[in-house]
Amino acid sequence: DSAGEIDAALTARIVDGIAAAGIHNIVTGGNTGEFYSLTVDEVIRL
């Protein structure tokens, strides 16, 4: 979001689009998800 915190609603929208497209396996907290710039608590929330 504008404060630099995880935008849960928009992130959920991205995941929803991937799932709706039939992608077999959704990886959460991977490098495209910026794993190493997230705190451990943020990874768990993600």
All heavy atoms as atom14 arrays in JSON, in Angstrom:
{
  "sequence": "DSAGEIDAALTARIVDGIAAAGIHNIVTGGNTGEFYSLTVDEVIRL",
  "atom14_mask": [
    [1, 1, 1, 1, 1, 1, 1, 1, 0, 0, 0, 0, 0, 0],
    [1, 1, 1, 1, 1, 1, 0, 0, 0, 0, 0, 0, 0, 0],
    [1, 1, 1, 1, 1, 0, 0, 0, 0, 0, 0, 0, 0, 0],
    [1, 1, 1, 1, 0, 0, 0, 0, 0, 0, 0, 0, 0, 0],
    [1, 1, 1, 1, 1, 1, 1, 1, 1, 0, 0, 0, 0, 0],
    [1, 1, 1, 1, 1, 1, 1, 1, 0, 0, 0, 0, 0, 0],
    [1, 1, 1, 1, 1, 1, 1, 1, 0, 0, 0, 0, 0, 0],
    [1, 1, 1, 1, 1, 0, 0, 0, 0, 0, 0, 0, 0, 0],
    [1, 1, 1, 1, 1, 0, 0, 0, 0, 0, 0, 0, 0, 0],
    [1, 1, 1, 1, 1, 1, 1, 1, 0, 0, 0, 0, 0, 0],
    [1, 1, 1, 1, 1, 1, 1, 0, 0, 0, 0, 0, 0, 0],
    [1, 1, 1, 1, 1, 0, 0, 0, 0, 0, 0, 0, 0, 0],
    [1, 1, 1, 1, 1, 1, 1, 1, 1, 1, 1, 0, 0, 0],
    [1, 1, 1, 1, 1, 1, 1, 1, 0, 0, 0, 0, 0, 0],
    [1, 1, 1, 1, 1, 1, 1, 0, 0, 0, 0, 0, 0, 0],
    [1, 1, 1, 1, 1, 1, 1, 1, 0, 0, 0, 0, 0, 0],
    [1, 1, 1, 1, 0, 0, 0, 0, 0, 0, 0, 0, 0, 0],
    [1, 1, 1, 1, 1, 1, 1, 1, 0, 0, 0, 0, 0, 0],
    [1, 1, 1, 1, 1, 0, 0, 0, 0, 0, 0, 0, 0, 0],
    [1, 1, 1, 1, 1, 0, 0, 0, 0, 0, 0, 0, 0, 0],
    [1, 1, 1, 1, 1, 0, 0, 0, 0, 0, 0, 0, 0, 0],
    [1, 1, 1, 1, 0, 0, 0, 0, 0, 0, 0, 0, 0, 0],
    [1, 1, 1, 1, 1, 1, 1, 1, 0, 0, 0, 0, 0, 0],
    [1, 1, 1, 1, 1, 1, 1, 1, 1, 1, 0, 0, 0, 0],
    [1, 1, 1, 1, 1, 1, 1, 1, 0, 0, 0, 0, 0, 0],
    [1, 1, 1, 1, 1, 1, 1, 1, 0, 0, 0, 0, 0, 0],
    [1, 1, 1, 1, 1, 1, 1, 0, 0, 0, 0, 0, 0, 0],
    [1, 1, 1, 1, 1, 1, 1, 0, 0, 0, 0, 0, 0, 0],
    [1, 1, 1, 1, 0, 0, 0, 0, 0, 0, 0, 0, 0, 0],
    [1, 1, 1, 1, 0, 0, 0, 0, 0, 0, 0, 0, 0, 0],
    [1, 1, 1, 1, 1, 1, 1, 1, 0, 0, 0, 0, 0, 0],
    [1, 1, 1, 1, 1, 1, 1, 0, 0, 0, 0, 0, 0, 0],
    [1, 1, 1, 1, 0, 0, 0, 0, 0, 0, 0, 0, 0, 0],
    [1, 1, 1, 1, 1, 1, 1, 1, 1, 0, 0, 0, 0, 0],
    [1, 1, 1, 1, 1, 1, 1, 1, 1, 1, 1, 0, 0, 0],
    [1, 1, 1, 1, 1, 1, 1, 1, 1, 1, 1, 1, 0, 0],
    [1, 1, 1, 1, 1, 1, 0, 0, 0, 0, 0, 0, 0, 0],
    [1, 1, 1, 1, 1, 1, 1, 1, 0, 0, 0, 0, 0, 0],
    [1, 1, 1, 1, 1, 1, 1, 0, 0, 0, 0, 0, 0, 0],
    [1, 1, 1, 1, 1, 1, 1, 0, 0, 0, 0, 0, 0, 0],
    [1, 1, 1, 1, 1, 1, 1, 1, 0, 0, 0, 0, 0, 0],
    [1, 1, 1, 1, 1, 1, 1, 1, 1, 0, 0, 0, 0, 0],
    [1, 1, 1, 1, 1, 1, 1, 0, 0, 0, 0, 0, 0, 0],
    [1, 1, 1, 1, 1, 1, 1, 1, 0, 0, 0, 0, 0, 0],
    [1, 1, 1, 1, 1, 1, 1, 1, 1, 1, 1, 0, 0, 0],
    [1, 1, 1, 1, 1, 1, 1, 1, 0, 0, 0, 0, 0, 0]
  ],
  "atom14_positions": [
    [[0.83, -1.2, 0.0], [0.0, 0.0, 0.0], [0.87, 1.26, 0.0], [2.11, 1.17, -0.11], [-0.97, -0.02, 1.19], [-0.27, -0.04, 2.55], [0.92, 0.38, 2.63], [-0.9, -0.46, 3.53], [0.0, 0.0, 0.0], [0.0, 0.0, 0.0], [0.0, 0.0, 0.0], [0.0, 0.0, 0.0], [0.0, 0.0, 0.0], [0.0, 0.0, 0.0]],
    [[0.26, 2.4, 0.12], [0.99, 3.67, 0.04], [1.99, 3.85, 1.18], [2.93, 4.63, 1.07], [0.01, 4.84, 0.03], [-0.81, 4.82, 1.2], [0.0, 0.0, 0.0], [0.0, 0.0, 0.0], [0.0, 0.0, 0.0], [0.0, 0.0, 0.0], [0.0, 0.0, 0.0], [0.0, 0.0, 0.0], [0.0, 0.0, 0.0], [0.0, 0.0, 0.0]],
    [[1.81, 3.11, 2.25], [2.73, 3.18, 3.39], [3.84, 2.12, 3.3], [4.69, 2.03, 4.18], [1.97, 3.02, 4.7], [0.0, 0.0, 0.0], [0.0, 0.0, 0.0], [0.0, 0.0, 0.0], [0.0, 0.0, 0.0], [0.0, 0.0, 0.0], [0.0, 0.0, 0.0], [0.0, 0.0, 0.0], [0.0, 0.0, 0.0], [0.0, 0.0, 0.0]],
    [[3.82, 1.32, 2.24], [4.84, 0.3, 2.07], [4.55, -0.99, 2.8], [5.41, -1.88, 2.86], [0.0, 0.0, 0.0], [0.0, 0.0, 0.0], [0.0, 0.0, 0.0], [0.0, 0.0, 0.0], [0.0, 0.0, 0.0], [0.0, 0.0, 0.0], [0.0, 0.0, 0.0], [0.0, 0.0, 0.0], [0.0, 0.0, 0.0], [0.0, 0.0, 0.0]],
    [[3.33, -1.14, 3.33], [2.94, -2.37, 4.01], [2.22, -3.3, 3.04], [1.72, -2.86, 2.0], [2.02, -2.04, 5.2], [2.61, -1.09, 6.21], [3.87, -1.63, 6.88], [3.94, -2.86, 7.08], [4.77, -0.83, 7.19], [0.0, 0.0, 0.0], [0.0, 0.0, 0.0], [0.0, 0.0, 0.0], [0.0, 0.0, 0.0], [0.0, 0.0, 0.0]],
    [[2.17, -4.58, 3.37], [1.49, -5.54, 2.49], [0.04, -5.13, 2.3], [-0.7, -4.89, 3.26], [1.57, -6.96, 3.07], [3.01, -7.47, 3.07], [0.69, -7.92, 2.26], [3.18, -8.82, 3.75], [0.0, 0.0, 0.0], [0.0, 0.0, 0.0], [0.0, 0.0, 0.0], [0.0, 0.0, 0.0], [0.0, 0.0, 0.0], [0.0, 0.0, 0.0]],
    [[-0.36, -5.04, 1.04], [-1.75, -4.78, 0.69], [-2.44, -6.13, 0.53], [-2.32, -6.79, -0.51], [-1.81, -3.97, -0.61], [-3.23, -3.56, -1.0], [-4.18, -4.31, -0.7], [-3.38, -2.5, -1.65], [0.0, 0.0, 0.0], [0.0, 0.0, 0.0], [0.0, 0.0, 0.0], [0.0, 0.0, 0.0], [0.0, 0.0, 0.0], [0.0, 0.0, 0.0]],
    [[-3.13, -6.55, 1.57], [-3.71, -7.89, 1.59], [-4.75, -8.08, 0.49], [-4.79, -9.12, -0.18], [-4.32, -8.18, 2.95], [0.0, 0.0, 0.0], [0.0, 0.0, 0.0], [0.0, 0.0, 0.0], [0.0, 0.0, 0.0], [0.0, 0.0, 0.0], [0.0, 0.0, 0.0], [0.0, 0.0, 0.0], [0.0, 0.0, 0.0], [0.0, 0.0, 0.0]],
    [[-5.6, -7.07, 0.28], [-6.68, -7.21, -0.69], [-6.13, -7.34, -2.11], [-6.59, -8.2, -2.89], [-7.62, -6.02, -0.59], [0.0, 0.0, 0.0], [0.0, 0.0, 0.0], [0.0, 0.0, 0.0], [0.0, 0.0, 0.0], [0.0, 0.0, 0.0], [0.0, 0.0, 0.0], [0.0, 0.0, 0.0], [0.0, 0.0, 0.0], [0.0, 0.0, 0.0]],
    [[-5.16, -6.51, -2.46], [-4.62, -6.57, -3.82], [-3.76, -7.81, -4.03], [-3.8, -8.43, -5.1], [-3.81, -5.3, -4.13], [-3.29, -5.17, -5.56], [-4.39, -5.42, -6.59], [-2.65, -3.8, -5.77], [0.0, 0.0, 0.0], [0.0, 0.0, 0.0], [0.0, 0.0, 0.0], [0.0, 0.0, 0.0], [0.0, 0.0, 0.0], [0.0, 0.0, 0.0]],
    [[-3.02, -8.21, -3.0], [-2.24, -9.45, -3.11], [-3.18, -10.64, -3.31], [-2.92, -11.52, -4.14], [-1.37, -9.66, -1.87], [-0.46, -8.56, -1.73], [-0.59, -10.96, -1.94], [0.0, 0.0, 0.0], [0.0, 0.0, 0.0], [0.0, 0.0, 0.0], [0.0, 0.0, 0.0], [0.0, 0.0, 0.0], [0.0, 0.0, 0.0], [0.0, 0.0, 0.0]],
    [[-4.28, -10.65, -2.58], [-5.28, -11.72, -2.74], [-5.86, -11.71, -4.15], [-6.11, -12.78, -4.73], [-6.39, -11.55, -1.71], [0.0, 0.0, 0.0], [0.0, 0.0, 0.0], [0.0, 0.0, 0.0], [0.0, 0.0, 0.0], [0.0, 0.0, 0.0], [0.0, 0.0, 0.0], [0.0, 0.0, 0.0], [0.0, 0.0, 0.0], [0.0, 0.0, 0.0]],
    [[-6.04, -10.53, -4.72], [-6.56, -10.43, -6.08], [-5.58, -11.05, -7.08], [-5.99, -11.72, -8.03], [-6.82, -8.97, -6.42], [-7.41, -8.74, -7.81], [-7.73, -7.28, -8.02], [-8.08, -6.99, -9.41], [-8.32, -5.77, -9.88], [-8.27, -4.73, -9.06], [-8.63, -5.59, -11.15], [0.0, 0.0, 0.0], [0.0, 0.0, 0.0], [0.0, 0.0, 0.0]],
    [[-4.29, -10.83, -6.87], [-3.27, -11.42, -7.74], [-3.33, -12.95, -7.65], [-3.32, -13.66, -8.66], [-1.87, -10.92, -7.35], [-1.75, -9.41, -7.53], [-0.78, -11.63, -8.16], [-1.96, -8.91, -8.92], [0.0, 0.0, 0.0], [0.0, 0.0, 0.0], [0.0, 0.0, 0.0], [0.0, 0.0, 0.0], [0.0, 0.0, 0.0], [0.0, 0.0, 0.0]],
    [[-3.37, -13.47, -6.43], [-3.44, -14.92, -6.22], [-4.71, -15.49, -6.85], [-4.68, -16.55, -7.5], [-3.37, -15.26, -4.72], [-3.61, -16.75, -4.48], [-2.03, -14.84, -4.13], [0.0, 0.0, 0.0], [0.0, 0.0, 0.0], [0.0, 0.0, 0.0], [0.0, 0.0, 0.0], [0.0, 0.0, 0.0], [0.0, 0.0, 0.0], [0.0, 0.0, 0.0]],
    [[-5.81, -14.79, -6.68], [-7.08, -15.24, -7.26], [-6.97, -15.37, -8.77], [-7.46, -16.36, -9.37], [-8.18, -14.25, -6.9], [-9.51, -14.59, -7.56], [-10.13, -15.6, -7.19], [-9.9, -13.86, -8.48], [0.0, 0.0, 0.0], [0.0, 0.0, 0.0], [0.0, 0.0, 0.0], [0.0, 0.0, 0.0], [0.0, 0.0, 0.0], [0.0, 0.0, 0.0]],
    [[-6.32, -14.42, -9.42], [-6.16, -14.47, -10.87], [-5.32, -15.64, -11.33], [-5.62, -16.28, -12.35], [0.0, 0.0, 0.0], [0.0, 0.0, 0.0], [0.0, 0.0, 0.0], [0.0, 0.0, 0.0], [0.0, 0.0, 0.0], [0.0, 0.0, 0.0], [0.0, 0.0, 0.0], [0.0, 0.0, 0.0], [0.0, 0.0, 0.0], [0.0, 0.0, 0.0]],
    [[-4.27, -15.95, -10.57], [-3.4, -17.08, -10.91], [-4.16, -18.39, -10.75], [-4.1, -19.28, -11.61], [-2.13, -17.06, -10.04], [-1.3, -15.8, -10.34], [-1.29, -18.32, -10.27], [-0.15, -15.59, -9.38], [0.0, 0.0, 0.0], [0.0, 0.0, 0.0], [0.0, 0.0, 0.0], [0.0, 0.0, 0.0], [0.0, 0.0, 0.0], [0.0, 0.0, 0.0]],
    [[-4.9, -18.51, -9.66], [-5.68, -19.72, -9.43], [-6.77, -19.89, -10.48], [-7.0, -20.99, -11.0], [-6.29, -19.7, -8.03], [0.0, 0.0, 0.0], [0.0, 0.0, 0.0], [0.0, 0.0, 0.0], [0.0, 0.0, 0.0], [0.0, 0.0, 0.0], [0.0, 0.0, 0.0], [0.0, 0.0, 0.0], [0.0, 0.0, 0.0], [0.0, 0.0, 0.0]],
    [[-7.44, -18.8, -10.82], [-8.53, -18.85, -11.81], [-8.02, -19.27, -13.18], [-8.77, -19.85, -13.97], [-9.22, -17.49, -11.89], [0.0, 0.0, 0.0], [0.0, 0.0, 0.0], [0.0, 0.0, 0.0], [0.0, 0.0, 0.0], [0.0, 0.0, 0.0], [0.0, 0.0, 0.0], [0.0, 0.0, 0.0], [0.0, 0.0, 0.0], [0.0, 0.0, 0.0]],
    [[-6.74, -18.99, -13.46], [-6.15, -19.36, -14.75], [-5.77, -20.84, -14.81], [-5.35, -21.31, -15.86], [-4.92, -18.5, -15.01], [0.0, 0.0, 0.0], [0.0, 0.0, 0.0], [0.0, 0.0, 0.0], [0.0, 0.0, 0.0], [0.0, 0.0, 0.0], [0.0, 0.0, 0.0], [0.0, 0.0, 0.0], [0.0, 0.0, 0.0], [0.0, 0.0, 0.0]],
    [[-5.89, -21.54, -13.69], [-5.61, -22.97, -13.68], [-4.17, -23.33, -13.42], [-3.77, -24.49, -13.63], [0.0, 0.0, 0.0], [0.0, 0.0, 0.0], [0.0, 0.0, 0.0], [0.0, 0.0, 0.0], [0.0, 0.0, 0.0], [0.0, 0.0, 0.0], [0.0, 0.0, 0.0], [0.0, 0.0, 0.0], [0.0, 0.0, 0.0], [0.0, 0.0, 0.0]],
    [[-3.37, -22.39, -12.92], [-1.98, -22.69, -12.6], [-1.96, -23.75, -11.5], [-2.66, -23.65, -10.5], [-1.22, -21.42, -12.16], [-1.24, -20.38, -13.29], [0.2, -21.75, -11.74], [-0.64, -20.84, -14.6], [0.0, 0.0, 0.0], [0.0, 0.0, 0.0], [0.0, 0.0, 0.0], [0.0, 0.0, 0.0], [0.0, 0.0, 0.0], [0.0, 0.0, 0.0]],
    [[-1.14, -24.76, -11.69], [-1.21, -25.97, -10.85], [-0.78, -25.74, -9.41], [-1.36, -26.32, -8.48], [-0.33, -27.06, -11.47], [-0.52, -27.23, -12.93], [0.24, -26.56, -13.87], [-1.43, -27.97, -13.64], [-0.17, -26.89, -15.1], [-1.17, -27.74, -14.98], [0.0, 0.0, 0.0], [0.0, 0.0, 0.0], [0.0, 0.0, 0.0], [0.0, 0.0, 0.0]],
    [[0.24, -24.94, -9.22], [0.87, -24.79, -7.9], [1.2, -23.32, -7.7], [1.92, -22.72, -8.5], [2.14, -25.64, -7.83], [2.86, -25.53, -6.5], [2.25, -25.34, -5.46], [4.18, -25.66, -6.53], [0.0, 0.0, 0.0], [0.0, 0.0, 0.0], [0.0, 0.0, 0.0], [0.0, 0.0, 0.0], [0.0, 0.0, 0.0], [0.0, 0.0, 0.0]],
    [[0.66, -22.71, -6.65], [0.94, -21.3, -6.35], [1.95, -21.25, -5.22], [1.73, -21.8, -4.13], [-0.34, -20.54, -5.97], [-1.33, -20.55, -7.15], [-0.01, -19.1, -5.56], [-2.66, -19.91, -6.85], [0.0, 0.0, 0.0], [0.0, 0.0, 0.0], [0.0, 0.0, 0.0], [0.0, 0.0, 0.0], [0.0, 0.0, 0.0], [0.0, 0.0, 0.0]],
    [[3.08, -20.6, -5.5], [4.15, -20.47, -4.51], [4.02, -19.1, -3.86], [4.04, -18.07, -4.53], [5.54, -20.62, -5.15], [6.63, -20.49, -4.09], [5.64, -21.98, -5.86], [0.0, 0.0, 0.0], [0.0, 0.0, 0.0], [0.0, 0.0, 0.0], [0.0, 0.0, 0.0], [0.0, 0.0, 0.0], [0.0, 0.0, 0.0], [0.0, 0.0, 0.0]],
    [[3.87, -19.09, -2.55], [3.75, -17.84, -1.81], [5.02, -17.59, -1.0], [5.52, -18.48, -0.33], [2.5, -17.86, -0.89], [2.42, -16.61, -0.19], [2.53, -19.0, 0.11], [0.0, 0.0, 0.0], [0.0, 0.0, 0.0], [0.0, 0.0, 0.0], [0.0, 0.0, 0.0], [0.0, 0.0, 0.0], [0.0, 0.0, 0.0], [0.0, 0.0, 0.0]],
    [[5.56, -16.38, -1.14], [6.8, -16.05, -0.46], [8.03, -16.44, -1.25], [9.12, -16.59, -0.69], [0.0, 0.0, 0.0], [0.0, 0.0, 0.0], [0.0, 0.0, 0.0], [0.0, 0.0, 0.0], [0.0, 0.0, 0.0], [0.0, 0.0, 0.0], [0.0, 0.0, 0.0], [0.0, 0.0, 0.0], [0.0, 0.0, 0.0], [0.0, 0.0, 0.0]],
    [[7.89, -16.61, -2.55], [9.05, -16.89, -3.39], [9.8, -15.62, -3.71], [9.47, -14.53, -3.22], [0.0, 0.0, 0.0], [0.0, 0.0, 0.0], [0.0, 0.0, 0.0], [0.0, 0.0, 0.0], [0.0, 0.0, 0.0], [0.0, 0.0, 0.0], [0.0, 0.0, 0.0], [0.0, 0.0, 0.0], [0.0, 0.0, 0.0], [0.0, 0.0, 0.0]],
    [[10.81, -15.73, -4.54], [11.61, -14.54, -4.87], [10.8, -13.48, -5.6], [11.0, -12.28, -5.38], [12.84, -14.93, -5.68], [13.92, -15.54, -4.83], [14.0, -15.29, -3.63], [14.78, -16.35, -5.43], [0.0, 0.0, 0.0], [0.0, 0.0, 0.0], [0.0, 0.0, 0.0], [0.0, 0.0, 0.0], [0.0, 0.0, 0.0], [0.0, 0.0, 0.0]],
    [[9.86, -13.89, -6.47], [9.0, -12.91, -7.12], [8.1, -12.22, -6.11], [7.63, -11.11, -6.33], [8.16, -13.58, -8.23], [9.03, -14.26, -9.12], [7.36, -12.57, -9.02], [0.0, 0.0, 0.0], [0.0, 0.0, 0.0], [0.0, 0.0, 0.0], [0.0, 0.0, 0.0], [0.0, 0.0, 0.0], [0.0, 0.0, 0.0], [0.0, 0.0, 0.0]],
    [[7.88, -12.85, -4.97], [7.12, -12.25, -3.88], [7.97, -11.47, -2.91], [7.48, -11.01, -1.88], [0.0, 0.0, 0.0], [0.0, 0.0, 0.0], [0.0, 0.0, 0.0], [0.0, 0.0, 0.0], [0.0, 0.0, 0.0], [0.0, 0.0, 0.0], [0.0, 0.0, 0.0], [0.0, 0.0, 0.0], [0.0, 0.0, 0.0], [0.0, 0.0, 0.0]],
    [[9.28, -11.3, -3.22], [10.21, -10.49, -2.42], [10.48, -11.09, -1.04], [10.57, -10.37, -0.04], [9.72, -9.04, -2.32], [9.55, -8.36, -3.67], [9.03, -6.94, -3.59], [9.75, -6.06, -3.06], [7.88, -6.72, -4.05], [0.0, 0.0, 0.0], [0.0, 0.0, 0.0], [0.0, 0.0, 0.0], [0.0, 0.0, 0.0], [0.0, 0.0, 0.0]],
    [[10.69, -12.4, -1.01], [10.89, -13.1, 0.26], [11.94, -12.44, 1.15], [11.72, -12.25, 2.35], [11.3, -14.56, -0.03], [11.61, -15.38, 1.18], [10.59, -15.96, 1.91], [12.91, -15.56, 1.62], [10.86, -16.73, 3.04], [13.2, -16.32, 2.74], [12.16, -16.91, 3.46], [0.0, 0.0, 0.0], [0.0, 0.0, 0.0], [0.0, 0.0, 0.0]],
    [[13.06, -12.08, 0.58], [14.17, -11.61, 1.41], [14.02, -10.16, 1.86], [14.8, -9.69, 2.69], [15.5, -11.82, 0.69], [15.92, -13.27, 0.71], [15.76, -14.07, -0.42], [16.42, -13.86, 1.86], [16.11, -15.41, -0.39], [16.77, -15.2, 1.9], [16.61, -15.97, 0.77], [16.95, -17.29, 0.81], [0.0, 0.0, 0.0], [0.0, 0.0, 0.0]],
    [[13.04, -9.43, 1.35], [12.78, -8.09, 1.85], [11.62, -8.06, 2.84], [11.29, -7.02, 3.39], [12.51, -7.12, 0.7], [11.28, -7.42, 0.08], [0.0, 0.0, 0.0], [0.0, 0.0, 0.0], [0.0, 0.0, 0.0], [0.0, 0.0, 0.0], [0.0, 0.0, 0.0], [0.0, 0.0, 0.0], [0.0, 0.0, 0.0], [0.0, 0.0, 0.0]],
    [[11.01, -9.22, 3.06], [9.93, -9.35, 4.03], [10.48, -9.83, 5.38], [11.46, -10.57, 5.43], [8.89, -10.35, 3.54], [8.18, -10.05, 2.21], [7.36, -11.25, 1.78], [7.29, -8.82, 2.34], [0.0, 0.0, 0.0], [0.0, 0.0, 0.0], [0.0, 0.0, 0.0], [0.0, 0.0, 0.0], [0.0, 0.0, 0.0], [0.0, 0.0, 0.0]],
    [[9.86, -9.41, 6.46], [10.19, -9.97, 7.76], [9.59, -11.37, 7.87], [8.72, -11.75, 7.08], [9.63, -9.1, 8.9], [8.19, -9.16, 8.87], [10.08, -7.64, 8.76], [0.0, 0.0, 0.0], [0.0, 0.0, 0.0], [0.0, 0.0, 0.0], [0.0, 0.0, 0.0], [0.0, 0.0, 0.0], [0.0, 0.0, 0.0], [0.0, 0.0, 0.0]],
    [[10.04, -12.13, 8.84], [9.48, -13.46, 9.04], [7.98, -13.37, 9.3], [7.18, -14.15, 8.75], [10.2, -14.18, 10.2], [9.45, -15.45, 10.59], [11.64, -14.52, 9.8], [0.0, 0.0, 0.0], [0.0, 0.0, 0.0], [0.0, 0.0, 0.0], [0.0, 0.0, 0.0], [0.0, 0.0, 0.0], [0.0, 0.0, 0.0], [0.0, 0.0, 0.0]],
    [[7.56, -12.4, 10.11], [6.13, -12.24, 10.38], [5.35, -11.91, 9.11], [4.22, -12.39, 8.92], [5.91, -11.15, 11.42], [6.31, -11.58, 12.82], [6.48, -12.8, 13.05], [6.47, -10.7, 13.7], [0.0, 0.0, 0.0], [0.0, 0.0, 0.0], [0.0, 0.0, 0.0], [0.0, 0.0, 0.0], [0.0, 0.0, 0.0], [0.0, 0.0, 0.0]],
    [[5.95, -11.1, 8.23], [5.27, -10.76, 6.98], [5.16, -11.98, 6.07], [4.14, -12.16, 5.39], [6.03, -9.65, 6.26], [5.83, -8.27, 6.88], [6.64, -7.2, 6.18], [7.82, -7.47, 5.82], [6.12, -6.08, 6.0], [0.0, 0.0, 0.0], [0.0, 0.0, 0.0], [0.0, 0.0, 0.0], [0.0, 0.0, 0.0], [0.0, 0.0, 0.0]],
    [[6.2, -12.81, 6.03], [6.14, -14.03, 5.23], [4.99, -14.92, 5.71], [4.21, -15.45, 4.9], [7.48, -14.8, 5.3], [7.35, -16.18, 4.66], [8.59, -14.01, 4.6], [0.0, 0.0, 0.0], [0.0, 0.0, 0.0], [0.0, 0.0, 0.0], [0.0, 0.0, 0.0], [0.0, 0.0, 0.0], [0.0, 0.0, 0.0], [0.0, 0.0, 0.0]],
    [[4.87, -15.08, 7.0], [3.81, -15.92, 7.56], [2.43, -15.32, 7.25], [1.48, -16.05, 6.9], [4.02, -16.09, 9.07], [5.28, -16.95, 9.31], [2.81, -16.73, 9.73], [5.72, -17.02, 10.75], [0.0, 0.0, 0.0], [0.0, 0.0, 0.0], [0.0, 0.0, 0.0], [0.0, 0.0, 0.0], [0.0, 0.0, 0.0], [0.0, 0.0, 0.0]],
    [[2.32, -14.0, 7.33], [1.04, -13.36, 6.97], [0.74, -13.55, 5.5], [-0.41, -13.81, 5.12], [1.12, -11.86, 7.3], [-0.2, -11.13, 7.01], [-0.13, -9.66, 7.28], [-1.37, -9.01, 6.91], [-1.46, -7.81, 6.38], [-0.37, -7.1, 6.14], [-2.64, -7.29, 6.07], [0.0, 0.0, 0.0], [0.0, 0.0, 0.0], [0.0, 0.0, 0.0]],
    [[1.76, -13.44, 4.65], [1.57, -13.61, 3.22], [1.04, -15.0, 2.9], [0.17, -15.17, 2.03], [2.89, -13.36, 2.51], [2.87, -13.13, 1.0], [2.12, -11.84, 0.66], [4.29, -13.08, 0.45], [0.0, 0.0, 0.0], [0.0, 0.0, 0.0], [0.0, 0.0, 0.0], [0.0, 0.0, 0.0], [0.0, 0.0, 0.0], [0.0, 0.0, 0.0]]
  ]
}
